[in-house]
Amino acid sequence: MKRMEKSTTVVRNLDSKPEGLARVEWRMFVNKETAQERMNVCWACPNLNSVRVCRKCWCLMPVKTKLAAMSCPLGYWTAESNYVHTE
């Protein structure tokens, strides 16, 4: 079996859910409410500079607050799981 045929077979097998197993999806972003809550915390933090960059991690916070795997370096907000169980 050629390499491309093998990978295609694996993808087809992932599309069908075996009986009794939950389907898991990966997500990169948090919902809008969570992103806004995180950004509100950042607005109140003295480490946020005028161009919305954190002085502790040097990240652009309007972007970082939307990513599920990211967390505040000072512990004000935490990362969320990127995996969501679906029916």
C-alpha atoms as a PDB file:
ATOM      1  CA  MET A   1       0.000   0.000   0.000  1.00  0.00           C
ATOM      2  CA  LYS A   2       1.368   3.417  -0.917  1.00  0.00           C
ATOM      3  CA  ARG A   3       1.963   6.100   1.696  1.00  0.00           C
ATOM      4  CA  MET A   4      -0.906   8.302   0.453  1.00  0.00           C
ATOM      5  CA  GLU A   5      -3.336   5.390   0.485  1.00  0.00           C
ATOM      6  CA  LYS A   6      -2.436   4.592   4.109  1.00  0.00           C
ATOM      7  CA  SER A   7      -3.045   8.146   5.306  1.00  0.00           C
ATOM      8  CA  THR A   8      -6.370   8.309   3.454  1.00  0.00           C
ATOM      9  CA  THR A   9      -7.472   5.078   5.144  1.00  0.00           C
ATOM     10  CA  VAL A  10      -6.604   6.482   8.580  1.00  0.00           C
ATOM     11  CA  VAL A  11      -8.630   9.642   7.919  1.00  0.00           C
ATOM     12  CA  ARG A  12     -11.638   7.606   6.807  1.00  0.00           C
ATOM     13  CA  ASN A  13     -11.388   5.483   9.962  1.00  0.00           C
ATOM     14  CA  LEU A  14     -11.320   8.606  12.170  1.00  0.00           C
ATOM     15  CA  ASP A  15     -14.559   9.827  10.608  1.00  0.00           C
ATOM     16  CA  SER A  16     -16.471   6.814  11.870  1.00  0.00           C
ATOM     17  CA  LYS A  17     -16.960   6.687  15.643  1.00  0.00           C
ATOM     18  CA  PRO A  18     -16.688   3.207  17.229  1.00  0.00           C
ATOM     19  CA  GLU A  19     -19.645   2.299  19.415  1.00  0.00           C
ATOM     20  CA  GLY A  20     -19.242   3.413  23.032  1.00  0.00           C
ATOM     21  CA  LEU A  21     -16.485   5.971  22.408  1.00  0.00           C
ATOM     22  CA  ALA A  22     -17.015   9.714  22.669  1.00  0.00           C
ATOM     23  CA  ARG A  23     -15.909  11.916  19.810  1.00  0.00           C
ATOM     24  CA  VAL A  24     -13.279  14.475  20.811  1.00  0.00           C
ATOM     25  CA  GLU A  25     -12.682  17.721  18.951  1.00  0.00           C
ATOM     26  CA  TRP A  26      -9.716  20.040  19.285  1.00  0.00           C
ATOM     27  CA  ARG A  27     -10.333  23.758  19.494  1.00  0.00           C
ATOM     28  CA  MET A  28      -7.835  26.563  19.308  1.00  0.00           C
ATOM     29  CA  PHE A  29      -9.880  29.506  20.588  1.00  0.00           C
ATOM     30  CA  VAL A  30     -11.953  30.251  23.686  1.00  0.00           C
ATOM     31  CA  ASN A  31     -15.472  31.650  23.342  1.00  0.00           C
ATOM     32  CA  LYS A  32     -16.006  35.425  23.089  1.00  0.00           C
ATOM     33  CA  GLU A  33     -17.117  35.802  26.711  1.00  0.00           C
ATOM     34  CA  THR A  34     -13.993  34.085  28.069  1.00  0.00           C
ATOM     35  CA  ALA A  35     -11.721  36.143  25.810  1.00  0.00           C
ATOM     36  CA  GLN A  36     -13.418  39.345  27.007  1.00  0.00           C
ATOM     37  CA  GLU A  37     -13.129  38.308  30.678  1.00  0.00           C
ATOM     38  CA  ARG A  38      -9.420  37.615  30.203  1.00  0.00           C
ATOM     39  CA  MET A  39      -8.870  40.944  28.446  1.00  0.00           C
ATOM     40  CA  ASN A  40     -10.727  42.790  31.233  1.00  0.00           C
ATOM     41  CA  VAL A  41      -8.267  41.302  33.725  1.00  0.00           C
ATOM     42  CA  CYS A  42      -5.403  42.491  31.529  1.00  0.00           C
ATOM     43  CA  TRP A  43      -6.826  46.029  31.303  1.00  0.00           C
ATOM     44  CA  ALA A  44      -6.716  46.235  35.116  1.00  0.00           C
ATOM     45  CA  CYS A  45      -3.131  44.897  35.294  1.00  0.00           C
ATOM     46  CA  PRO A  46      -0.279  47.422  35.664  1.00  0.00           C
ATOM     47  CA  ASN A  47       1.904  45.253  33.403  1.00  0.00           C
ATOM     48  CA  LEU A  48      -0.157  46.020  30.299  1.00  0.00           C
ATOM     49  CA  ASN A  49       1.489  48.794  28.304  1.00  0.00           C
ATOM     50  CA  SER A  50      -0.125  51.366  26.009  1.00  0.00           C
ATOM     51  CA  VAL A  51       0.110  49.157  22.892  1.00  0.00           C
ATOM     52  CA  ARG A  52      -1.599  46.251  24.729  1.00  0.00           C
ATOM     53  CA  VAL A  53       1.570  44.180  25.198  1.00  0.00           C
ATOM     54  CA  CYS A  54       2.196  42.431  28.516  1.00  0.00           C
ATOM     55  CA  ARG A  55       5.493  43.471  30.154  1.00  0.00           C
ATOM     56  CA  LYS A  56       5.902  40.007  31.737  1.00  0.00           C
ATOM     57  CA  CYS A  57       5.493  37.708  28.707  1.00  0.00           C
ATOM     58  CA  TRP A  58       5.766  40.296  25.887  1.00  0.00           C
ATOM     59  CA  CYS A  59       2.647  38.918  24.180  1.00  0.00           C
ATOM     60  CA  LEU A  60       0.079  40.959  22.298  1.00  0.00           C
ATOM     61  CA  MET A  61      -2.799  40.451  24.713  1.00  0.00           C
ATOM     62  CA  PRO A  62      -5.813  40.883  22.395  1.00  0.00           C
ATOM     63  CA  VAL A  63      -4.465  37.828  20.556  1.00  0.00           C
ATOM     64  CA  LYS A  64      -3.240  35.794  23.538  1.00  0.00           C
ATOM     65  CA  THR A  65      -6.523  36.121  25.453  1.00  0.00           C
ATOM     66  CA  LYS A  66      -8.362  34.375  22.600  1.00  0.00           C
ATOM     67  CA  LEU A  67      -6.131  31.269  22.523  1.00  0.00           C
ATOM     68  CA  ALA A  68      -7.335  28.355  24.653  1.00  0.00           C
ATOM     69  CA  ALA A  69      -3.865  26.982  25.466  1.00  0.00           C
ATOM     70  CA  MET A  70      -2.523  30.300  26.766  1.00  0.00           C
ATOM     71  CA  SER A  71      -2.407  31.463  30.385  1.00  0.00           C
ATOM     72  CA  CYS A  72      -1.385  34.594  32.248  1.00  0.00           C
ATOM     73  CA  PRO A  73       2.251  34.479  33.421  1.00  0.00           C
ATOM     74  CA  LEU A  74       1.125  35.997  36.737  1.00  0.00           C
ATOM     75  CA  GLY A  75      -1.678  33.439  37.194  1.00  0.00           C
ATOM     76  CA  TYR A  76      -4.601  35.865  36.814  1.00  0.00           C
ATOM     77  CA  TRP A  77      -6.261  33.529  34.271  1.00  0.00           C
ATOM     78  CA  THR A  78      -5.484  29.966  33.226  1.00  0.00           C
ATOM     79  CA  ALA A  79      -5.369  27.907  30.065  1.00  0.00           C
ATOM     80  CA  GLU A  80      -8.406  25.879  29.048  1.00  0.00           C
ATOM     81  CA  SER A  81      -8.421  22.369  27.671  1.00  0.00           C
ATOM     82  CA  ASN A  82      -8.199  22.320  23.906  1.00  0.00           C
ATOM     83  CA  TYR A  83     -10.173  19.090  23.719  1.00  0.00           C
ATOM     84  CA  VAL A  84     -13.951  19.083  23.824  1.00  0.00           C
ATOM     85  CA  HIS A  85     -16.031  15.909  24.057  1.00  0.00           C
ATOM     86  CA  THR A  86     -18.925  15.910  21.614  1.00  0.00           C
ATOM     87  CA  GLU A  87     -21.838  13.553  21.125  1.00  0.00           C
END
